[in-house]
Amino acid sequence: MLRIPCPHCGERDYTEFRYAGDATKRRPVHGTEDVRAWYEHVFLFTNPKGPHREYWQHVQGCRQWLVLERDTATNTVGRSWLARTGAPS
C-alpha cells in the first residue's frame, strides 16, 4: 500500500489523493495559441522508471496540491511539499 506524506495532514493512504501527472514537465506559456505545444503537453509523455517527481492533490483531506518524489520502479515514496512553494532546499 502506498502511503503519501501530506505537509498539512501527515502520512495518509494514497486513496485520499488524486494523481495529476509529471511535475517536471513545463506547461506552455499561458495564452499561447500554439496547438502543437498544447498537444505535446497534454498527450505526449514518457513513462519513467526510477526516481520521479509527480503532482498529487489531497482531495479527501486539505485539498492542497503536492509534489511527491517517488521511485516508480520500487514504488518507494520520498519527500513531498506544497506545489505552490517550489522545491524545498
PDB file of N, CA and C in Angstrom:
ATOM      1  N   MET A   1       0.847  -1.179   0.000  1.00  0.00           N
ATOM      2  CA  MET A   1       0.000   0.000   0.000  1.00  0.00           C
ATOM      3  C   MET A   1       0.890   1.240   0.000  1.00  0.00           C
ATOM      4  N   LEU A   2       0.516   2.202  -0.796  1.00  0.00           N
ATOM      5  CA  LEU A   2       1.261   3.448  -0.913  1.00  0.00           C
ATOM      6  C   LEU A   2       0.765   4.440   0.138  1.00  0.00           C
ATOM      7  N   ARG A   3       1.686   4.970   0.915  1.00  0.00           N
ATOM      8  CA  ARG A   3       1.376   5.993   1.921  1.00  0.00           C
ATOM      9  C   ARG A   3       2.066   7.281   1.489  1.00  0.00           C
ATOM     10  N   ILE A   4       1.299   8.363   1.426  1.00  0.00           N
ATOM     11  CA  ILE A   4       1.813   9.646   0.950  1.00  0.00           C
ATOM     12  C   ILE A   4       1.890  10.634   2.111  1.00  0.00           C
ATOM     13  N   PRO A   5       3.069  11.257   2.317  1.00  0.00           N
ATOM     14  CA  PRO A   5       3.197  12.246   3.384  1.00  0.00           C
ATOM     15  C   PRO A   5       2.653  13.608   2.938  1.00  0.00           C
ATOM     16  N   CYS A   6       1.577  14.043   3.549  1.00  0.00           N
ATOM     17  CA  CYS A   6       0.993  15.356   3.261  1.00  0.00           C
ATOM     18  C   CYS A   6       1.604  16.367   4.235  1.00  0.00           C
ATOM     19  N   PRO A   7       2.122  17.502   3.743  1.00  0.00           N
ATOM     20  CA  PRO A   7       2.709  18.501   4.644  1.00  0.00           C
ATOM     21  C   PRO A   7       1.726  19.040   5.680  1.00  0.00           C
ATOM     22  N   HIS A   8       0.425  19.030   5.380  1.00  0.00           N
ATOM     23  CA  HIS A   8      -0.583  19.540   6.312  1.00  0.00           C
ATOM     24  C   HIS A   8      -1.175  18.450   7.202  1.00  0.00           C
ATOM     25  N   CYS A   9      -1.461  17.295   6.624  1.00  0.00           N
ATOM     26  CA  CYS A   9      -2.249  16.264   7.314  1.00  0.00           C
ATOM     27  C   CYS A   9      -1.426  15.078   7.811  1.00  0.00           C
ATOM     28  N   GLY A  10      -0.159  15.019   7.461  1.00  0.00           N
ATOM     29  CA  GLY A  10       0.658  13.877   7.848  1.00  0.00           C
ATOM     30  C   GLY A  10       0.538  12.750   6.825  1.00  0.00           C
ATOM     31  N   GLU A  11       1.047  11.594   7.179  1.00  0.00           N
ATOM     32  CA  GLU A  11       1.037  10.454   6.262  1.00  0.00           C
ATOM     33  C   GLU A  11      -0.367   9.886   6.110  1.00  0.00           C
ATOM     34  N   ARG A  12      -0.790   9.708   4.853  1.00  0.00           N
ATOM     35  CA  ARG A  12      -2.136   9.220   4.551  1.00  0.00           C
ATOM     36  C   ARG A  12      -2.083   8.163   3.454  1.00  0.00           C
ATOM     37  N   ASP A  13      -3.150   7.377   3.354  1.00  0.00           N
ATOM     38  CA  ASP A  13      -3.269   6.365   2.323  1.00  0.00           C
ATOM     39  C   ASP A  13      -3.422   7.034   0.949  1.00  0.00           C
ATOM     40  N   TYR A  14      -2.875   6.421  -0.090  1.00  0.00           N
ATOM     41  CA  TYR A  14      -2.915   7.020  -1.415  1.00  0.00           C
ATOM     42  C   TYR A  14      -4.339   7.197  -1.953  1.00  0.00           C
ATOM     43  N   THR A  15      -5.303   6.453  -1.406  1.00  0.00           N
ATOM     44  CA  THR A  15      -6.687   6.570  -1.884  1.00  0.00           C
ATOM     45  C   THR A  15      -7.308   7.935  -1.562  1.00  0.00           C
ATOM     46  N   GLU A  16      -6.671   8.701  -0.667  1.00  0.00           N
ATOM     47  CA  GLU A  16      -7.149  10.049  -0.351  1.00  0.00           C
ATOM     48  C   GLU A  16      -6.672  11.077  -1.373  1.00  0.00           C
ATOM     49  N   PHE A  17      -5.801  10.657  -2.277  1.00  0.00           N
ATOM     50  CA  PHE A  17      -5.161  11.571  -3.217  1.00  0.00           C
ATOM     51  C   PHE A  17      -5.564  11.271  -4.654  1.00  0.00           C
ATOM     52  N   ARG A  18      -5.359  12.257  -5.520  1.00  0.00           N
ATOM     53  CA  ARG A  18      -5.553  12.085  -6.959  1.00  0.00           C
ATOM     54  C   ARG A  18      -4.227  12.386  -7.647  1.00  0.00           C
ATOM     55  N   TYR A  19      -3.780  11.421  -8.449  1.00  0.00           N
ATOM     56  CA  TYR A  19      -2.554  11.593  -9.229  1.00  0.00           C
ATOM     57  C   TYR A  19      -2.815  12.595 -10.340  1.00  0.00           C
ATOM     58  N   ALA A  20      -1.857  13.496 -10.587  1.00  0.00           N
ATOM     59  CA  ALA A  20      -2.085  14.542 -11.583  1.00  0.00           C
ATOM     60  C   ALA A  20      -0.943  14.707 -12.574  1.00  0.00           C
ATOM     61  N   GLY A  21      -0.034  13.756 -12.643  1.00  0.00           N
ATOM     62  CA  GLY A  21       0.975  13.796 -13.704  1.00  0.00           C
ATOM     63  C   GLY A  21       2.365  14.205 -13.278  1.00  0.00           C
ATOM     64  N   ASP A  22       3.188  14.359 -14.291  1.00  0.00           N
ATOM     65  CA  ASP A  22       4.615  14.649 -14.178  1.00  0.00           C
ATOM     66  C   ASP A  22       4.848  16.079 -13.687  1.00  0.00           C
ATOM     67  N   ALA A  23       5.560  16.215 -12.590  1.00  0.00           N
ATOM     68  CA  ALA A  23       5.827  17.545 -12.029  1.00  0.00           C
ATOM     69  C   ALA A  23       7.057  18.201 -12.646  1.00  0.00           C
ATOM     70  N   THR A  24       7.765  17.486 -13.507  1.00  0.00           N
ATOM     71  CA  THR A  24       8.948  18.076 -14.140  1.00  0.00           C
ATOM     72  C   THR A  24       8.628  18.658 -15.502  1.00  0.00           C
ATOM     73  N   LYS A  25       7.466  18.352 -16.027  1.00  0.00           N
ATOM     74  CA  LYS A  25       7.052  18.816 -17.350  1.00  0.00           C
ATOM     75  C   LYS A  25       6.520  20.246 -17.246  1.00  0.00           C
ATOM     76  N   ARG A  26       7.004  21.135 -18.107  1.00  0.00           N
ATOM     77  CA  ARG A  26       6.592  22.544 -18.069  1.00  0.00           C
ATOM     78  C   ARG A  26       5.402  22.795 -18.990  1.00  0.00           C
ATOM     79  N   ARG A  27       4.419  23.510 -18.459  1.00  0.00           N
ATOM     80  CA  ARG A  27       3.244  23.897 -19.258  1.00  0.00           C
ATOM     81  C   ARG A  27       3.630  24.933 -20.300  1.00  0.00           C
ATOM     82  N   PRO A  28       2.936  24.941 -21.432  1.00  0.00           N
ATOM     83  CA  PRO A  28       3.143  26.047 -22.380  1.00  0.00           C
ATOM     84  C   PRO A  28       2.754  27.369 -21.715  1.00  0.00           C
ATOM     85  N   VAL A  29       3.295  28.440 -22.210  1.00  0.00           N
ATOM     86  CA  VAL A  29       3.038  29.763 -21.656  1.00  0.00           C
ATOM     87  C   VAL A  29       1.542  30.071 -21.730  1.00  0.00           C
ATOM     88  N   HIS A  30       1.009  30.630 -20.644  1.00  0.00           N
ATOM     89  CA  HIS A  30      -0.413  30.973 -20.589  1.00  0.00           C
ATOM     90  C   HIS A  30      -0.782  31.903 -21.747  1.00  0.00           C
ATOM     91  N   GLY A  31      -1.855  31.575 -22.418  1.00  0.00           N
ATOM     92  CA  GLY A  31      -2.323  32.397 -23.520  1.00  0.00           C
ATOM     93  C   GLY A  31      -1.754  32.014 -24.875  1.00  0.00           C
ATOM     94  N   THR A  32      -0.837  31.049 -24.894  1.00  0.00           N
ATOM     95  CA  THR A  32      -0.270  30.655 -26.184  1.00  0.00           C
ATOM     96  C   THR A  32      -1.312  29.955 -27.039  1.00  0.00           C
ATOM     97  N   GLU A  33      -1.249  30.211 -28.320  1.00  0.00           N
ATOM     98  CA  GLU A  33      -2.173  29.572 -29.250  1.00  0.00           C
ATOM     99  C   GLU A  33      -1.474  28.480 -30.049  1.00  0.00           C
ATOM    100  N   ASP A  34      -0.298  28.088 -29.607  1.00  0.00           N
ATOM    101  CA  ASP A  34       0.462  27.040 -30.278  1.00  0.00           C
ATOM    102  C   ASP A  34      -0.183  25.685 -29.965  1.00  0.00           C
ATOM    103  N   VAL A  35      -1.004  25.213 -30.873  1.00  0.00           N
ATOM    104  CA  VAL A  35      -1.751  23.975 -30.679  1.00  0.00           C
ATOM    105  C   VAL A  35      -0.805  22.794 -30.508  1.00  0.00           C
ATOM    106  N   ARG A  36       0.278  22.784 -31.253  1.00  0.00           N
ATOM    107  CA  ARG A  36       1.255  21.682 -31.159  1.00  0.00           C
ATOM    108  C   ARG A  36       1.855  21.607 -29.754  1.00  0.00           C
ATOM    109  N   ALA A  37       2.178  22.748 -29.156  1.00  0.00           N
ATOM    110  CA  ALA A  37       2.746  22.770 -27.803  1.00  0.00           C
ATOM    111  C   ALA A  37       1.758  22.204 -26.793  1.00  0.00           C
ATOM    112  N   TRP A  38       0.481  22.570 -26.915  1.00  0.00           N
ATOM    113  CA  TRP A  38      -0.531  22.043 -26.001  1.00  0.00           C
ATOM    114  C   TRP A  38      -0.766  20.557 -26.228  1.00  0.00           C
ATOM    115  N   TYR A  39      -0.771  20.134 -27.480  1.00  0.00           N
ATOM    116  CA  TYR A  39      -0.924  18.710 -27.797  1.00  0.00           C
ATOM    117  C   TYR A  39       0.188  17.903 -27.132  1.00  0.00           C
ATOM    118  N   GLU A  40       1.426  18.349 -27.300  1.00  0.00           N
ATOM    119  CA  GLU A  40       2.563  17.638 -26.711  1.00  0.00           C
ATOM    120  C   GLU A  40       2.489  17.635 -25.193  1.00  0.00           C
ATOM    121  N   HIS A  41       2.055  18.740 -24.602  1.00  0.00           N
ATOM    122  CA  HIS A  41       1.968  18.816 -23.141  1.00  0.00           C
ATOM    123  C   HIS A  41       0.909  17.869 -22.580  1.00  0.00           C
ATOM    124  N   VAL A  42      -0.233  17.799 -23.225  1.00  0.00           N
ATOM    125  CA  VAL A  42      -1.353  17.013 -22.709  1.00  0.00           C
ATOM    126  C   VAL A  42      -1.253  15.529 -23.062  1.00  0.00           C
ATOM    127  N   PHE A  43      -0.868  15.217 -24.288  1.00  0.00           N
ATOM    128  CA  PHE A  43      -0.986  13.847 -24.764  1.00  0.00           C
ATOM    129  C   PHE A  43       0.317  13.061 -24.880  1.00  0.00           C
ATOM    130  N   LEU A  44       1.451  13.716 -24.977  1.00  0.00           N
ATOM    131  CA  LEU A  44       2.718  13.003 -25.130  1.00  0.00           C
ATOM    132  C   LEU A  44       3.488  13.027 -23.818  1.00  0.00           C
ATOM    133  N   PHE A  45       3.865  11.863 -23.351  1.00  0.00           N
ATOM    134  CA  PHE A  45       4.613  11.787 -22.106  1.00  0.00           C
ATOM    135  C   PHE A  45       5.444  10.513 -22.086  1.00  0.00           C
ATOM    136  N   THR A  46       6.429  10.519 -21.228  1.00  0.00           N
ATOM    137  CA  THR A  46       7.260   9.336 -21.042  1.00  0.00           C
ATOM    138  C   THR A  46       6.767   8.593 -19.817  1.00  0.00           C
ATOM    139  N   ASN A  47       7.152   7.360 -19.708  1.00  0.00           N
ATOM    140  CA  ASN A  47       6.808   6.548 -18.546  1.00  0.00           C
ATOM    141  C   ASN A  47       8.126   6.210 -17.853  1.00  0.00           C
ATOM    142  N   PRO A  48       8.608   7.120 -16.992  1.00  0.00           N
ATOM    143  CA  PRO A  48       9.940   6.949 -16.409  1.00  0.00           C
ATOM    144  C   PRO A  48      10.015   5.772 -15.443  1.00  0.00           C
ATOM    145  N   LYS A  49      11.170   5.169 -15.403  1.00  0.00           N
ATOM    146  CA  LYS A  49      11.434   4.114 -14.430  1.00  0.00           C
ATOM    147  C   LYS A  49      12.517   4.624 -13.495  1.00  0.00           C
ATOM    148  N   GLY A  50      12.211   4.678 -12.215  1.00  0.00           N
ATOM    149  CA  GLY A  50      13.168   5.174 -11.236  1.00  0.00           C
ATOM    150  C   GLY A  50      12.642   6.421 -10.538  1.00  0.00           C
ATOM    151  N   PRO A  51      13.530   7.216  -9.935  1.00  0.00           N
ATOM    152  CA  PRO A  51      13.124   8.412  -9.193  1.00  0.00           C
ATOM    153  C   PRO A  51      12.400   9.408 -10.095  1.00  0.00           C
ATOM    154  N   HIS A  52      11.336   9.972  -9.574  1.00  0.00           N
ATOM    155  CA  HIS A  52      10.483  10.846 -10.378  1.00  0.00           C
ATOM    156  C   HIS A  52       9.719  11.797  -9.453  1.00  0.00           C
ATOM    157  N   ARG A  53       9.364  12.967  -9.966  1.00  0.00           N
ATOM    158  CA  ARG A  53       8.525  13.925  -9.219  1.00  0.00           C
ATOM    159  C   ARG A  53       7.157  13.977  -9.873  1.00  0.00           C
ATOM    160  N   GLU A  54       6.125  13.894  -9.034  1.00  0.00           N
ATOM    161  CA  GLU A  54       4.751  13.829  -9.529  1.00  0.00           C
ATOM    162  C   GLU A  54       3.864  14.821  -8.786  1.00  0.00           C
ATOM    163  N   TYR A  55       2.816  15.301  -9.471  1.00  0.00           N
ATOM    164  CA  TYR A  55       1.794  16.112  -8.828  1.00  0.00           C
ATOM    165  C   TYR A  55       0.714  15.190  -8.263  1.00  0.00           C
ATOM    166  N   TRP A  56       0.279  15.479  -7.047  1.00  0.00           N
ATOM    167  CA  TRP A  56      -0.847  14.785  -6.417  1.00  0.00           C
ATOM    168  C   TRP A  56      -1.688  15.844  -5.724  1.00  0.00           C
ATOM    169  N   GLN A  57      -3.001  15.638  -5.664  1.00  0.00           N
ATOM    170  CA  GLN A  57      -3.879  16.528  -4.909  1.00  0.00           C
ATOM    171  C   GLN A  57      -4.518  15.732  -3.778  1.00  0.00           C
ATOM    172  N   HIS A  58      -4.504  16.286  -2.581  1.00  0.00           N
ATOM    173  CA  HIS A  58      -5.097  15.628  -1.416  1.00  0.00           C
ATOM    174  C   HIS A  58      -6.599  15.932  -1.407  1.00  0.00           C
ATOM    175  N   VAL A  59      -7.345  15.210  -2.222  1.00  0.00           N
ATOM    176  CA  VAL A  59      -8.766  15.505  -2.428  1.00  0.00           C
ATOM    177  C   VAL A  59      -9.652  15.164  -1.232  1.00  0.00           C
ATOM    178  N   GLN A  60      -9.246  14.205  -0.422  1.00  0.00           N
ATOM    179  CA  GLN A  60     -10.063  13.840   0.746  1.00  0.00           C
ATOM    180  C   GLN A  60      -9.439  14.332   2.043  1.00  0.00           C
ATOM    181  N   GLY A  61      -8.660  15.373   1.924  1.00  0.00           N
ATOM    182  CA  GLY A  61      -8.025  15.964   3.101  1.00  0.00           C
ATOM    183  C   GLY A  61      -8.024  17.467   2.960  1.00  0.00           C
ATOM    184  N   CYS A  62      -6.842  18.045   2.938  1.00  0.00           N
ATOM    185  CA  CYS A  62      -6.692  19.503   2.912  1.00  0.00           C
ATOM    186  C   CYS A  62      -6.898  20.128   1.533  1.00  0.00           C
ATOM    187  N   ARG A  63      -7.058  19.309   0.482  1.00  0.00           N
ATOM    188  CA  ARG A  63      -7.287  19.744  -0.903  1.00  0.00           C
ATOM    189  C   ARG A  63      -6.082  20.424  -1.537  1.00  0.00           C
ATOM    190  N   GLN A  64      -4.932  20.372  -0.892  1.00  0.00           N
ATOM    191  CA  GLN A  64      -3.734  21.017  -1.413  1.00  0.00           C
ATOM    192  C   GLN A  64      -3.085  20.188  -2.517  1.00  0.00           C
ATOM    193  N   TRP A  65      -2.400  20.883  -3.434  1.00  0.00           N
ATOM    194  CA  TRP A  65      -1.608  20.240  -4.465  1.00  0.00           C
ATOM    195  C   TRP A  65      -0.202  20.018  -3.929  1.00  0.00           C
ATOM    196  N   LEU A  66       0.324  18.809  -4.134  1.00  0.00           N
ATOM    197  CA  LEU A  66       1.646  18.438  -3.643  1.00  0.00           C
ATOM    198  C   LEU A  66       2.543  18.010  -4.788  1.00  0.00           C
ATOM    199  N   VAL A  67       3.838  18.118  -4.556  1.00  0.00           N
ATOM    200  CA  VAL A  67       4.827  17.468  -5.412  1.00  0.00           C
ATOM    201  C   VAL A  67       5.392  16.340  -4.562  1.00  0.00           C
ATOM    202  N   LEU A  68       5.385  15.147  -5.125  1.00  0.00           N
ATOM    203  CA  LEU A  68       5.837  13.962  -4.405  1.00  0.00           C
ATOM    204  C   LEU A  68       7.002  13.337  -5.147  1.00  0.00           C
ATOM    205  N   GLU A  69       8.067  13.013  -4.422  1.00  0.00           N
ATOM    206  CA  GLU A  69       9.170  12.256  -5.005  1.00  0.00           C
ATOM    207  C   GLU A  69       8.867  10.783  -4.789  1.00  0.00           C
ATOM    208  N   ARG A  70       8.843  10.034  -5.905  1.00  0.00           N
ATOM    209  CA  ARG A  70       8.519   8.611  -5.818  1.00  0.00           C
ATOM    210  C   ARG A  70       9.376   7.843  -6.815  1.00  0.00           C
ATOM    211  N   ASP A  71       9.847   6.675  -6.398  1.00  0.00           N
ATOM    212  CA  ASP A  71      10.579   5.795  -7.301  1.00  0.00           C
ATOM    213  C   ASP A  71       9.555   4.889  -7.970  1.00  0.00           C
ATOM    214  N   THR A  72       9.383   5.037  -9.271  1.00  0.00           N
ATOM    215  CA  THR A  72       8.357   4.273  -9.977  1.00  0.00           C
ATOM    216  C   THR A  72       8.726   2.802 -10.136  1.00  0.00           C
ATOM    217  N   ALA A  73       9.987   2.456  -9.983  1.00  0.00           N
ATOM    218  CA  ALA A  73      10.402   1.057 -10.099  1.00  0.00           C
ATOM    219  C   ALA A  73      10.076   0.274  -8.825  1.00  0.00           C
ATOM    220  N   THR A  74      10.254   0.920  -7.673  1.00  0.00           N
ATOM    221  CA  THR A  74      10.043   0.233  -6.392  1.00  0.00           C
ATOM    222  C   THR A  74       8.805   0.719  -5.645  1.00  0.00           C
ATOM    223  N   ASN A  75       8.198   1.799  -6.152  1.00  0.00           N
ATOM    224  CA  ASN A  75       7.050   2.432  -5.512  1.00  0.00           C
ATOM    225  C   ASN A  75       7.399   2.990  -4.129  1.00  0.00           C
ATOM    226  N   THR A  76       8.658   3.325  -3.939  1.00  0.00           N
ATOM    227  CA  THR A  76       9.122   3.926  -2.688  1.00  0.00           C
ATOM    228  C   THR A  76       8.837   5.420  -2.714  1.00  0.00           C
ATOM    229  N   VAL A  77       8.215   5.916  -1.648  1.00  0.00           N
ATOM    230  CA  VAL A  77       7.846   7.328  -1.549  1.00  0.00           C
ATOM    231  C   VAL A  77       8.934   8.086  -0.802  1.00  0.00           C
ATOM    232  N   GLY A  78       9.262   9.259  -1.326  1.00  0.00           N
ATOM    233  CA  GLY A  78      10.250  10.127  -0.682  1.00  0.00           C
ATOM    234  C   GLY A  78       9.585  11.353  -0.083  1.00  0.00           C
ATOM    235  N   ARG A  79      10.195  12.499  -0.302  1.00  0.00           N
ATOM    236  CA  ARG A  79       9.679  13.761   0.249  1.00  0.00           C
ATOM    237  C   ARG A  79       8.461  14.248  -0.512  1.00  0.00           C
ATOM    238  N   SER A  80       7.707  15.118   0.132  1.00  0.00           N
ATOM    239  CA  SER A  80       6.624  15.830  -0.532  1.00  0.00           C
ATOM    240  C   SER A  80       6.602  17.254  -0.001  1.00  0.00           C
ATOM    241  N   TRP A  81       6.088  18.166  -0.838  1.00  0.00           N
ATOM    242  CA  TRP A  81       5.959  19.563  -0.430  1.00  0.00           C
ATOM    243  C   TRP A  81       4.812  20.179  -1.207  1.00  0.00           C
ATOM    244  N   LEU A  82       4.354  21.326  -0.753  1.00  0.00           N
ATOM    245  CA  LEU A  82       3.272  22.021  -1.441  1.00  0.00           C
ATOM    246  C   LEU A  82       3.757  22.491  -2.805  1.00  0.00           C
ATOM    247  N   ALA A  83       2.970  22.247  -3.824  1.00  0.00           N
ATOM    248  CA  ALA A  83       3.364  22.601  -5.191  1.00  0.00           C
ATOM    249  C   ALA A  83       3.563  24.104  -5.351  1.00  0.00           C
ATOM    250  N   ARG A  84       2.780  24.897  -4.648  1.00  0.00           N
ATOM    251  CA  ARG A  84       2.871  26.352  -4.812  1.00  0.00           C
ATOM    252  C   ARG A  84       4.143  26.963  -4.215  1.00  0.00           C
ATOM    253  N   THR A  85       4.829  26.230  -3.331  1.00  0.00           N
ATOM    254  CA  THR A  85       6.020  26.773  -2.677  1.00  0.00           C
ATOM    255  C   THR A  85       7.305  26.461  -3.402  1.00  0.00           C
ATOM    256  N   GLY A  86       7.283  25.568  -4.369  1.00  0.00           N
ATOM    257  CA  GLY A  86       8.512  25.179  -5.053  1.00  0.00           C
ATOM    258  C   GLY A  86       9.260  24.130  -4.247  1.00  0.00           C
ATOM    259  N   ALA A  87      10.326  23.616  -4.829  1.00  0.00           N
ATOM    260  CA  ALA A  87      11.092  22.537  -4.192  1.00  0.00           C
ATOM    261  C   ALA A  87      11.776  23.025  -2.912  1.00  0.00           C
ATOM    262  N   PRO A  88      11.791  22.183  -1.888  1.00  0.00           N
ATOM    263  CA  PRO A  88      12.488  22.544  -0.642  1.00  0.00           C
ATOM    264  C   PRO A  88      13.998  22.523  -0.853  1.00  0.00           C
ATOM    265  N   SER A  89      14.694  23.265  -0.052  1.00  0.00           N
ATOM    266  CA  SER A  89      16.156  23.296  -0.176  1.00  0.00           C
ATOM    267  C   SER A  89      16.801  22.142   0.529  1.00  0.00           C
TER     268      SER A  89
END
